[in-house]
Amino acid sequence: MTPAITSGPVPPAHRTSDRHARHAPWPYALLDVPALRAAGHRAWPIRQFVLKTHSRCNLACTYCYVYEMADQSWRTRPAAMSPATALRAAERIAEHAAAHELPRVDLVLHGGEPLLAAPAELAAPVEAVRAALARRAPRTRVTASIQTNGTLLTRGRLAALAAAGIRVGVSLDGGLAAHNARRVDHAGRPGFGAAARGLRLLARHPASYAGVLCVVDLAQDPVETYESLLAFAPPSVGLLLPLANWSNPPPGGTAHGTPYADWLLAVFERWWHDGVRRTRIRLFEEVIALLLGLPEATETLGLAPATTAVVETDGAIEQADSLKSAYEGAAATGMTLDTHSFDELLDHPGFAARQLGRDALAADCRACDLVEVCGGGHYPHRYRAGEGFRRPSVYCADLQAVIRHIAGALHTAATTGRAAS
């Protein structure tokens, strides 16, 4: 179904700020959400809630989208989420789960660095959600995780998280000190030593270990980066393309060749042809699932509707905070826990646009034979100042190369009868 586009102004009750309309006409000046709903386009409930429990960080990574990119809203927010705000978030989540009879909600404790909280306080937001759900939506179960830089992991913190059933994901740029030169503290001192100690401790608690996220760095050898991460025994590895867009191109550029595909495919070949599957690599498994027509829930590939909401330390309800890489206030909605429900977020133009699937994409993307797999790529990667989010990904050529290569590997495995282990 074609989304409702308006050639004139959107009704006043549904206008976004002048900043949104100026920076991103699509969707903020062009998508008429009331008309969209009247035409029968349904909203999908939120299933993942990211709680920004701490808005400051003990590291000062030079590429961090929270502190070093376009949006600087962290400067005006409380350092930590108060217990009252956490309780209010829990009630709003339970309200949403009950209204939509959700079988499960996923909670992610995030920052900044959420482990800056005292061990005794780490699990409080999750326990508050569980208590609220027990009262209002007792059939809804909770999965919970925390995303950390790993430098503050201790036995005490791990014990507190494990007792609350909260799994731990760690962000790292590779398994060697040389890979992590950009991950430094506020005095410029390297953070790798402390992170490595934390990861070695975490590896001894596999039930609590969610995996490692790693941003692709073209300056590093891809196979060395991958194999060095294996030393920390991660159950999964998330390989992330740097947050970049058409107005702020990726490091190393993509104008000539496919440098990011080349990097990723070197890792893929090592992983695919390994005699033993030593870890999951999310990007490759997502591409494989989508190529096979399986429903794969991901915000970076495919056409599934976005279902993630963010709650900041001050109780502001926002969109996915990766949007902070685009422009100041790009994730903002003007909504707060005190004044708005999560159902109201579903009708925010920025959020509604991310639930349109193919209809939200550029014409070139809609016509592409890979659209069901690529899905236009990660939403922030589509941004161009003054146009918005209706362009192909700035990594379009790289994504095509990765998907076609993996498709070829699947075809070979199917025709020869020798699939990777």
Protein backbone atom coordinates (compact mmCIF):
# COMPACT_ATOMS: atom_id res chain seq x y z
CA MET A 1 0.00 0.00 0.00
CA THR A 2 1.38 3.43 -0.95
CA PRO A 3 1.85 5.69 2.09
CA ALA A 4 -0.25 8.80 2.31
CA ILE A 5 1.80 11.72 1.01
CA THR A 6 0.61 15.25 1.45
CA SER A 7 1.57 18.05 -0.93
CA GLY A 8 0.47 20.64 1.59
CA PRO A 9 0.97 21.03 5.33
CA VAL A 10 0.20 18.12 7.64
CA PRO A 11 -2.67 18.84 10.09
CA PRO A 12 -1.43 20.93 13.07
CA ALA A 13 -1.91 18.19 15.67
CA HIS A 14 0.49 15.99 13.74
CA ARG A 15 3.15 18.52 12.76
CA THR A 16 6.63 17.85 14.02
CA SER A 17 9.12 20.50 14.96
CA ASP A 18 10.52 22.88 12.38
CA ARG A 19 13.88 21.22 12.94
CA HIS A 20 12.60 17.82 11.84
CA ALA A 21 10.84 19.26 8.79
CA ARG A 22 13.91 21.25 7.80
CA HIS A 23 16.38 18.40 8.12
CA ALA A 24 14.17 15.51 7.03
CA PRO A 25 11.18 16.42 4.83
CA TRP A 26 10.75 12.67 4.48
CA PRO A 27 8.96 11.71 6.57
CA TYR A 28 8.23 14.79 8.67
CA ALA A 29 6.73 17.13 6.07
CA LEU A 30 5.41 14.52 3.67
CA LEU A 31 3.95 11.59 5.58
CA ASP A 32 0.33 12.11 6.71
CA VAL A 33 -0.10 9.58 9.51
CA PRO A 34 -3.86 10.12 10.08
CA ALA A 35 -4.49 9.47 6.38
CA LEU A 36 -2.23 6.44 6.58
CA ARG A 37 -4.28 4.99 9.43
CA ALA A 38 -7.57 5.86 7.69
CA ALA A 39 -6.35 3.90 4.67
CA GLY A 40 -5.92 0.84 6.89
CA HIS A 41 -2.19 0.78 7.51
CA ARG A 42 -1.87 -0.78 10.95
CA ALA A 43 0.64 0.15 13.64
CA TRP A 44 2.82 -2.59 15.13
CA PRO A 45 3.27 -2.55 18.91
CA ILE A 46 6.62 -1.85 20.51
CA ARG A 47 8.40 -4.98 21.66
CA GLN A 48 11.85 -3.73 22.65
CA PHE A 49 12.39 -1.00 25.21
CA VAL A 50 15.83 0.55 25.59
CA LEU A 51 16.23 2.18 29.00
CA LYS A 52 19.01 4.74 29.15
CA THR A 53 19.80 4.16 32.79
CA HIS A 54 22.99 6.25 32.69
CA SER A 55 23.70 9.02 30.19
CA ARG A 56 27.41 9.48 30.91
CA CYS A 57 30.33 7.18 30.10
CA ASN A 58 33.72 6.45 31.61
CA LEU A 59 35.17 6.17 28.10
CA ALA A 60 35.42 8.82 25.39
CA CYS A 61 35.48 6.75 22.20
CA THR A 62 36.31 9.09 19.36
CA TYR A 63 33.55 7.79 17.07
CA CYS A 64 30.70 7.53 19.61
CA TYR A 65 27.35 8.53 18.12
CA VAL A 66 26.04 9.66 21.52
CA TYR A 67 28.79 12.15 22.35
CA GLU A 68 30.78 12.82 19.18
CA MET A 69 28.17 13.13 16.43
CA ALA A 70 25.40 15.55 15.51
CA ASP A 71 23.15 15.24 18.57
CA GLN A 72 24.36 16.66 21.88
CA SER A 73 21.16 16.31 23.90
CA TRP A 74 22.99 14.23 26.52
CA ARG A 75 24.45 17.47 27.90
CA THR A 76 21.07 18.62 29.23
CA ARG A 77 19.92 15.30 30.69
CA PRO A 78 20.38 13.85 34.17
CA ALA A 79 23.40 11.60 34.51
CA ALA A 80 21.26 8.73 35.78
CA MET A 81 17.63 7.63 35.53
CA SER A 82 15.89 8.22 38.85
CA PRO A 83 13.97 5.42 40.59
CA ALA A 84 10.76 7.39 40.00
CA THR A 85 11.42 7.57 36.25
CA ALA A 86 12.24 3.86 36.14
CA LEU A 87 8.95 3.09 37.89
CA ARG A 88 7.05 5.32 35.47
CA ALA A 89 8.72 3.57 32.53
CA ALA A 90 7.72 0.20 33.99
CA GLU A 91 4.07 1.26 34.24
CA ARG A 92 4.04 2.56 30.67
CA ILE A 93 5.63 -0.66 29.38
CA ALA A 94 3.09 -2.77 31.26
CA GLU A 95 0.28 -0.59 29.94
CA HIS A 96 1.48 -1.18 26.37
CA ALA A 97 2.00 -4.92 26.88
CA ALA A 98 -1.48 -5.31 28.34
CA ALA A 99 -3.15 -3.29 25.58
CA HIS A 100 -1.53 -5.41 22.86
CA GLU A 101 -1.41 -8.73 24.74
CA LEU A 102 2.30 -9.04 24.08
CA PRO A 103 3.73 -12.48 24.85
CA ARG A 104 7.17 -10.97 25.49
CA VAL A 105 8.97 -7.67 25.89
CA ASP A 106 12.70 -7.18 25.54
CA LEU A 107 14.47 -4.74 27.84
CA VAL A 108 17.92 -3.33 27.12
CA LEU A 109 19.77 -1.33 29.78
CA HIS A 110 21.91 1.16 27.90
CA GLY A 111 23.87 4.38 28.19
CA GLY A 112 26.30 6.02 28.22
CA GLU A 113 27.69 3.32 30.40
CA PRO A 114 24.98 1.59 32.48
CA LEU A 115 27.53 -0.12 34.74
CA LEU A 116 28.31 3.25 36.30
CA ALA A 117 25.36 2.43 38.56
CA ALA A 118 26.08 0.66 41.83
CA PRO A 119 25.76 -3.15 41.68
CA ALA A 120 22.75 -3.08 43.99
CA GLU A 121 20.94 -0.67 41.64
CA LEU A 122 21.64 -2.39 38.31
CA ALA A 123 18.62 -4.68 38.25
CA ALA A 124 16.10 -2.23 39.72
CA PRO A 125 14.60 -1.06 36.37
CA VAL A 126 14.14 -4.66 35.19
CA GLU A 127 12.57 -5.73 38.47
CA ALA A 128 10.24 -2.73 38.27
CA VAL A 129 9.07 -3.82 34.80
CA ARG A 130 8.55 -7.39 35.97
CA ALA A 131 6.48 -6.21 38.93
CA ALA A 132 4.35 -3.91 36.75
CA LEU A 133 3.77 -6.70 34.24
CA ALA A 134 2.80 -9.12 37.01
CA ARG A 135 0.01 -6.71 37.95
CA ARG A 136 -1.19 -5.64 34.51
CA ALA A 137 -0.04 -8.23 31.95
CA PRO A 138 0.87 -11.42 33.82
CA ARG A 139 1.19 -13.47 30.63
CA THR A 140 3.94 -11.24 29.26
CA ARG A 141 7.44 -12.52 29.91
CA VAL A 142 10.59 -10.40 30.00
CA THR A 143 14.01 -10.87 28.46
CA ALA A 144 16.65 -8.45 29.68
CA SER A 145 20.16 -7.49 28.67
CA ILE A 146 22.68 -4.76 29.32
CA GLN A 147 25.07 -3.23 26.77
CA THR A 148 28.39 -2.14 28.25
CA ASN A 149 31.95 -1.27 27.27
CA GLY A 150 33.07 -4.01 29.66
CA THR A 151 35.60 -1.96 31.60
CA LEU A 152 33.54 -1.97 34.81
CA LEU A 153 32.58 -5.65 34.84
CA THR A 154 33.34 -7.21 38.21
CA ARG A 155 32.30 -10.38 39.99
CA GLY A 156 29.86 -8.37 42.09
CA ARG A 157 28.22 -6.71 39.10
CA LEU A 158 28.02 -9.97 37.18
CA ALA A 159 26.48 -11.71 40.18
CA ALA A 160 23.84 -8.98 40.52
CA LEU A 161 23.00 -9.15 36.81
CA ALA A 162 22.91 -12.94 36.75
CA ALA A 163 20.60 -13.06 39.76
CA ALA A 164 18.18 -10.81 37.89
CA GLY A 165 18.43 -12.80 34.64
CA ILE A 166 20.10 -9.94 32.77
CA ARG A 167 22.52 -11.00 30.03
CA VAL A 168 25.57 -8.91 29.17
CA GLY A 169 26.65 -7.62 25.77
CA VAL A 170 30.00 -5.88 25.34
CA SER A 171 31.10 -3.34 22.75
CA LEU A 172 34.69 -3.80 21.54
CA ASP A 173 36.56 -3.03 18.31
CA GLY A 174 38.57 -6.23 18.19
CA GLY A 175 40.45 -8.59 20.46
CA LEU A 176 43.80 -6.77 20.43
CA ALA A 177 44.88 -3.47 21.93
CA ALA A 178 45.76 -2.17 18.45
CA HIS A 179 42.15 -2.62 17.35
CA ASN A 180 40.86 -0.41 20.15
CA ALA A 181 42.97 2.73 19.80
CA ARG A 182 39.80 4.84 19.53
CA ARG A 183 38.34 3.43 22.75
CA VAL A 184 40.02 5.64 25.35
CA ASP A 185 39.01 7.27 28.62
CA HIS A 186 38.57 11.00 29.16
CA ALA A 187 42.31 11.40 29.79
CA GLY A 188 43.15 9.63 26.55
CA ARG A 189 44.26 6.43 28.26
CA PRO A 190 43.42 3.12 26.55
CA GLY A 191 40.36 1.25 27.79
CA PHE A 192 41.24 -2.09 26.26
CA GLY A 193 43.02 -3.61 29.26
CA ALA A 194 40.04 -3.16 31.55
CA ALA A 195 37.60 -4.30 28.87
CA ALA A 196 39.66 -7.44 28.20
CA ARG A 197 39.67 -8.27 31.92
CA GLY A 198 35.91 -7.82 32.01
CA LEU A 199 35.41 -10.03 28.97
CA ARG A 200 37.59 -12.80 30.35
CA LEU A 201 35.50 -12.72 33.51
CA LEU A 202 32.27 -12.74 31.49
CA ALA A 203 33.47 -15.69 29.39
CA ARG A 204 33.56 -17.75 32.60
CA HIS A 205 29.80 -17.13 32.96
CA PRO A 206 28.37 -18.26 29.60
CA ALA A 207 24.76 -18.15 30.80
CA SER A 208 25.17 -14.38 31.26
CA TYR A 209 27.09 -13.74 28.04
CA ALA A 210 25.03 -12.17 25.22
CA GLY A 211 27.89 -11.44 22.83
CA VAL A 212 30.17 -8.73 21.44
CA LEU A 213 29.39 -5.78 19.18
CA CYS A 214 32.21 -4.60 16.92
CA VAL A 215 32.24 -1.60 14.57
CA VAL A 216 33.97 -2.33 11.27
CA ASP A 217 37.30 -0.50 10.98
CA LEU A 218 38.83 -0.59 7.50
CA ALA A 219 42.24 0.17 8.98
CA GLN A 220 42.28 -3.20 10.73
CA ASP A 221 42.78 -6.61 9.18
CA PRO A 222 39.31 -8.23 9.09
CA VAL A 223 40.34 -11.84 9.72
CA GLU A 224 42.72 -10.84 12.49
CA THR A 225 39.95 -8.77 14.07
CA TYR A 226 37.51 -11.68 13.92
CA GLU A 227 39.93 -14.32 15.17
CA SER A 228 41.14 -12.10 18.01
CA LEU A 229 37.56 -11.69 19.22
CA LEU A 230 37.20 -15.46 19.35
CA ALA A 231 39.72 -15.48 22.21
CA PHE A 232 36.94 -14.06 24.39
CA ALA A 233 34.58 -16.92 23.45
CA PRO A 234 31.63 -14.74 22.42
CA PRO A 235 28.41 -16.65 21.71
CA SER A 236 27.69 -14.09 18.99
CA VAL A 237 29.45 -11.23 17.23
CA GLY A 238 27.65 -8.22 15.83
CA LEU A 239 29.62 -6.57 13.03
CA LEU A 240 28.32 -3.02 12.67
CA LEU A 241 28.85 -0.61 9.81
CA PRO A 242 29.93 2.82 11.10
CA LEU A 243 27.05 5.23 11.57
CA ALA A 244 27.37 7.39 8.48
CA ASN A 245 25.08 8.93 5.87
CA TRP A 246 25.08 10.85 2.60
CA SER A 247 25.92 14.13 4.33
CA ASN A 248 28.61 12.54 6.53
CA PRO A 249 30.11 9.71 4.46
CA PRO A 250 31.71 6.62 6.01
CA PRO A 251 35.39 6.61 6.99
CA GLY A 252 37.35 5.53 3.94
CA GLY A 253 34.45 6.45 1.65
CA THR A 254 32.32 4.27 -0.60
CA ALA A 255 32.56 6.27 -3.84
CA HIS A 256 34.97 3.76 -5.39
CA GLY A 257 34.63 0.03 -4.93
CA THR A 258 33.07 -1.76 -1.98
CA PRO A 259 35.60 -1.49 0.87
CA TYR A 260 33.15 -2.47 3.62
CA ALA A 261 31.90 -5.48 1.68
CA ASP A 262 35.48 -6.56 1.06
CA TRP A 263 36.19 -6.38 4.80
CA LEU A 264 33.03 -8.21 5.79
CA LEU A 265 33.39 -10.90 3.15
CA ALA A 266 36.91 -11.71 4.28
CA VAL A 267 35.39 -12.49 7.68
CA PHE A 268 32.50 -14.36 6.08
CA GLU A 269 34.82 -16.67 4.15
CA ARG A 270 36.78 -17.45 7.32
CA TRP A 271 33.58 -18.05 9.30
CA TRP A 272 31.67 -19.94 6.59
CA HIS A 273 34.46 -22.40 5.80
CA ASP A 274 35.59 -23.01 9.36
CA GLY A 275 35.35 -26.67 10.31
CA VAL A 276 33.55 -25.75 13.53
CA ARG A 277 31.05 -22.97 14.10
CA ARG A 278 32.85 -21.07 16.85
CA THR A 279 30.39 -18.21 17.16
CA ARG A 280 27.34 -16.73 15.53
CA ILE A 281 27.82 -13.65 13.35
CA ARG A 282 24.52 -11.82 13.36
CA LEU A 283 24.87 -9.96 10.08
CA PHE A 284 25.63 -13.12 8.11
CA GLU A 285 22.92 -15.15 9.83
CA GLU A 286 20.38 -12.39 9.20
CA VAL A 287 21.24 -12.29 5.50
CA ILE A 288 21.03 -16.09 5.26
CA ALA A 289 17.64 -16.15 7.02
CA LEU A 290 16.23 -13.43 4.78
CA LEU A 291 17.55 -15.11 1.63
CA LEU A 292 15.76 -18.27 2.73
CA GLY A 293 12.53 -16.34 3.27
CA LEU A 294 12.56 -16.74 7.04
CA PRO A 295 11.09 -14.02 9.26
CA GLU A 296 14.11 -12.23 10.68
CA ALA A 297 13.58 -9.45 13.21
CA THR A 298 16.29 -6.87 12.61
CA GLU A 299 16.45 -3.09 12.36
CA THR A 300 19.40 -3.12 9.96
CA LEU A 301 18.13 -5.40 7.19
CA GLY A 302 14.84 -6.64 5.78
CA LEU A 303 11.42 -5.02 5.70
CA ALA A 304 10.13 -5.86 9.19
CA PRO A 305 8.57 -2.89 11.01
CA ALA A 306 10.63 -1.09 13.63
CA THR A 307 9.42 -1.97 17.13
CA THR A 308 12.02 -0.35 19.41
CA ALA A 309 11.49 2.62 21.71
CA VAL A 310 14.06 4.44 23.84
CA VAL A 311 13.50 6.01 27.25
CA GLU A 312 16.11 8.60 28.19
CA THR A 313 17.26 9.32 31.74
CA ASP A 314 14.83 12.25 32.04
CA GLY A 315 11.83 10.17 30.92
CA ALA A 316 11.78 11.42 27.33
CA ILE A 317 10.40 8.85 24.88
CA GLU A 318 12.55 8.72 21.77
CA GLN A 319 13.15 6.76 18.60
CA ALA A 320 16.19 4.52 18.12
CA ASP A 321 19.16 6.53 19.28
CA SER A 322 21.29 5.57 16.26
CA LEU A 323 19.36 8.44 14.64
CA LYS A 324 21.47 10.81 16.75
CA SER A 325 24.13 10.40 14.06
CA ALA A 326 21.96 12.30 11.55
CA TYR A 327 21.22 15.69 13.09
CA GLU A 328 20.58 17.38 16.42
CA GLY A 329 17.27 16.11 17.81
CA ALA A 330 16.80 13.44 15.11
CA ALA A 331 15.63 10.87 17.66
CA ALA A 332 13.40 13.29 19.57
CA THR A 333 9.61 12.98 19.60
CA GLY A 334 8.55 15.63 22.11
CA MET A 335 6.94 12.86 24.18
CA THR A 336 7.57 11.95 27.80
CA LEU A 337 6.51 9.16 30.12
CA ASP A 338 4.44 11.60 32.15
CA THR A 339 2.40 12.89 29.24
CA HIS A 340 2.35 10.18 26.58
CA SER A 341 1.81 6.46 26.20
CA PHE A 342 3.86 4.23 23.95
CA ASP A 343 0.76 3.87 21.76
CA GLU A 344 1.09 7.57 20.96
CA LEU A 345 4.66 6.99 19.80
CA LEU A 346 3.32 4.62 17.14
CA ASP A 347 1.68 7.57 15.37
CA HIS A 348 4.75 9.79 15.43
CA PRO A 349 5.73 10.37 11.76
CA GLY A 350 9.30 9.25 12.30
CA PHE A 351 8.21 6.03 13.95
CA ALA A 352 5.33 5.35 11.57
CA ALA A 353 7.68 5.72 8.59
CA ARG A 354 9.87 2.95 9.94
CA GLN A 355 6.91 0.58 9.95
CA LEU A 356 6.03 1.06 6.28
CA GLY A 357 8.41 -1.53 4.88
CA ARG A 358 8.86 -1.26 1.11
CA ASP A 359 6.59 1.80 0.89
CA ALA A 360 9.07 3.90 2.88
CA LEU A 361 11.95 3.23 0.49
CA ALA A 362 13.45 5.17 -2.38
CA ALA A 363 12.28 4.20 -5.86
CA ASP A 364 15.63 2.57 -6.65
CA CYS A 365 15.30 0.38 -3.56
CA ARG A 366 11.71 -0.63 -4.33
CA ALA A 367 12.80 -1.76 -7.80
CA CYS A 368 15.85 -3.70 -6.58
CA ASP A 369 15.79 -7.51 -6.66
CA LEU A 370 17.45 -7.57 -3.22
CA VAL A 371 14.90 -5.37 -1.47
CA GLU A 372 13.40 -8.19 0.61
CA VAL A 373 16.83 -8.87 2.11
CA CYS A 374 18.43 -5.44 2.21
CA GLY A 375 15.26 -3.55 3.10
CA GLY A 376 16.99 -0.30 2.16
CA GLY A 377 19.68 -0.85 4.79
CA HIS A 378 19.89 0.64 8.25
CA TYR A 379 17.57 3.67 8.49
CA PRO A 380 20.19 6.23 9.69
CA HIS A 381 22.43 5.28 6.76
CA ARG A 382 19.78 6.58 4.34
CA TYR A 383 19.83 10.17 5.61
CA ARG A 384 20.73 13.21 3.54
CA ALA A 385 20.43 16.71 5.00
CA GLY A 386 17.47 18.60 3.58
CA GLU A 387 15.94 15.43 2.10
CA GLY A 388 15.59 13.03 4.99
CA PHE A 389 15.52 9.25 5.07
CA ARG A 390 14.20 8.23 1.66
CA ARG A 391 17.43 7.42 -0.12
CA PRO A 392 19.27 4.13 -0.58
CA SER A 393 21.77 3.33 2.14
CA VAL A 394 25.10 5.11 1.85
CA TYR A 395 26.44 1.53 1.98
CA CYS A 396 24.19 0.36 -0.89
CA ALA A 397 26.96 -1.06 -3.08
CA ASP A 398 28.58 -2.79 -0.10
CA LEU A 399 25.29 -4.36 0.98
CA GLN A 400 24.58 -5.62 -2.52
CA ALA A 401 28.02 -7.21 -2.71
CA VAL A 402 27.64 -8.90 0.68
CA ILE A 403 24.16 -10.25 -0.04
CA ARG A 404 25.03 -11.55 -3.52
CA HIS A 405 28.18 -13.23 -2.22
CA ILE A 406 26.32 -14.96 0.61
CA ALA A 407 23.58 -15.99 -1.82
CA GLY A 408 26.26 -17.57 -3.99
CA ALA A 409 27.70 -19.44 -1.01
CA LEU A 410 24.25 -20.78 -0.16
CA HIS A 411 23.69 -21.88 -3.75
CA THR A 412 27.04 -23.68 -3.83
CA ALA A 413 26.29 -25.41 -0.55
CA ALA A 414 22.87 -26.52 -1.80
CA THR A 415 24.10 -27.81 -5.15
CA THR A 416 27.18 -29.61 -3.85
CA GLY A 417 25.52 -30.94 -0.71
CA ARG A 418 28.37 -29.58 1.39
CA ALA A 419 27.06 -26.82 3.62
CA ALA A 420 29.25 -25.06 6.14
CA SER A 421 29.28 -26.62 9.60
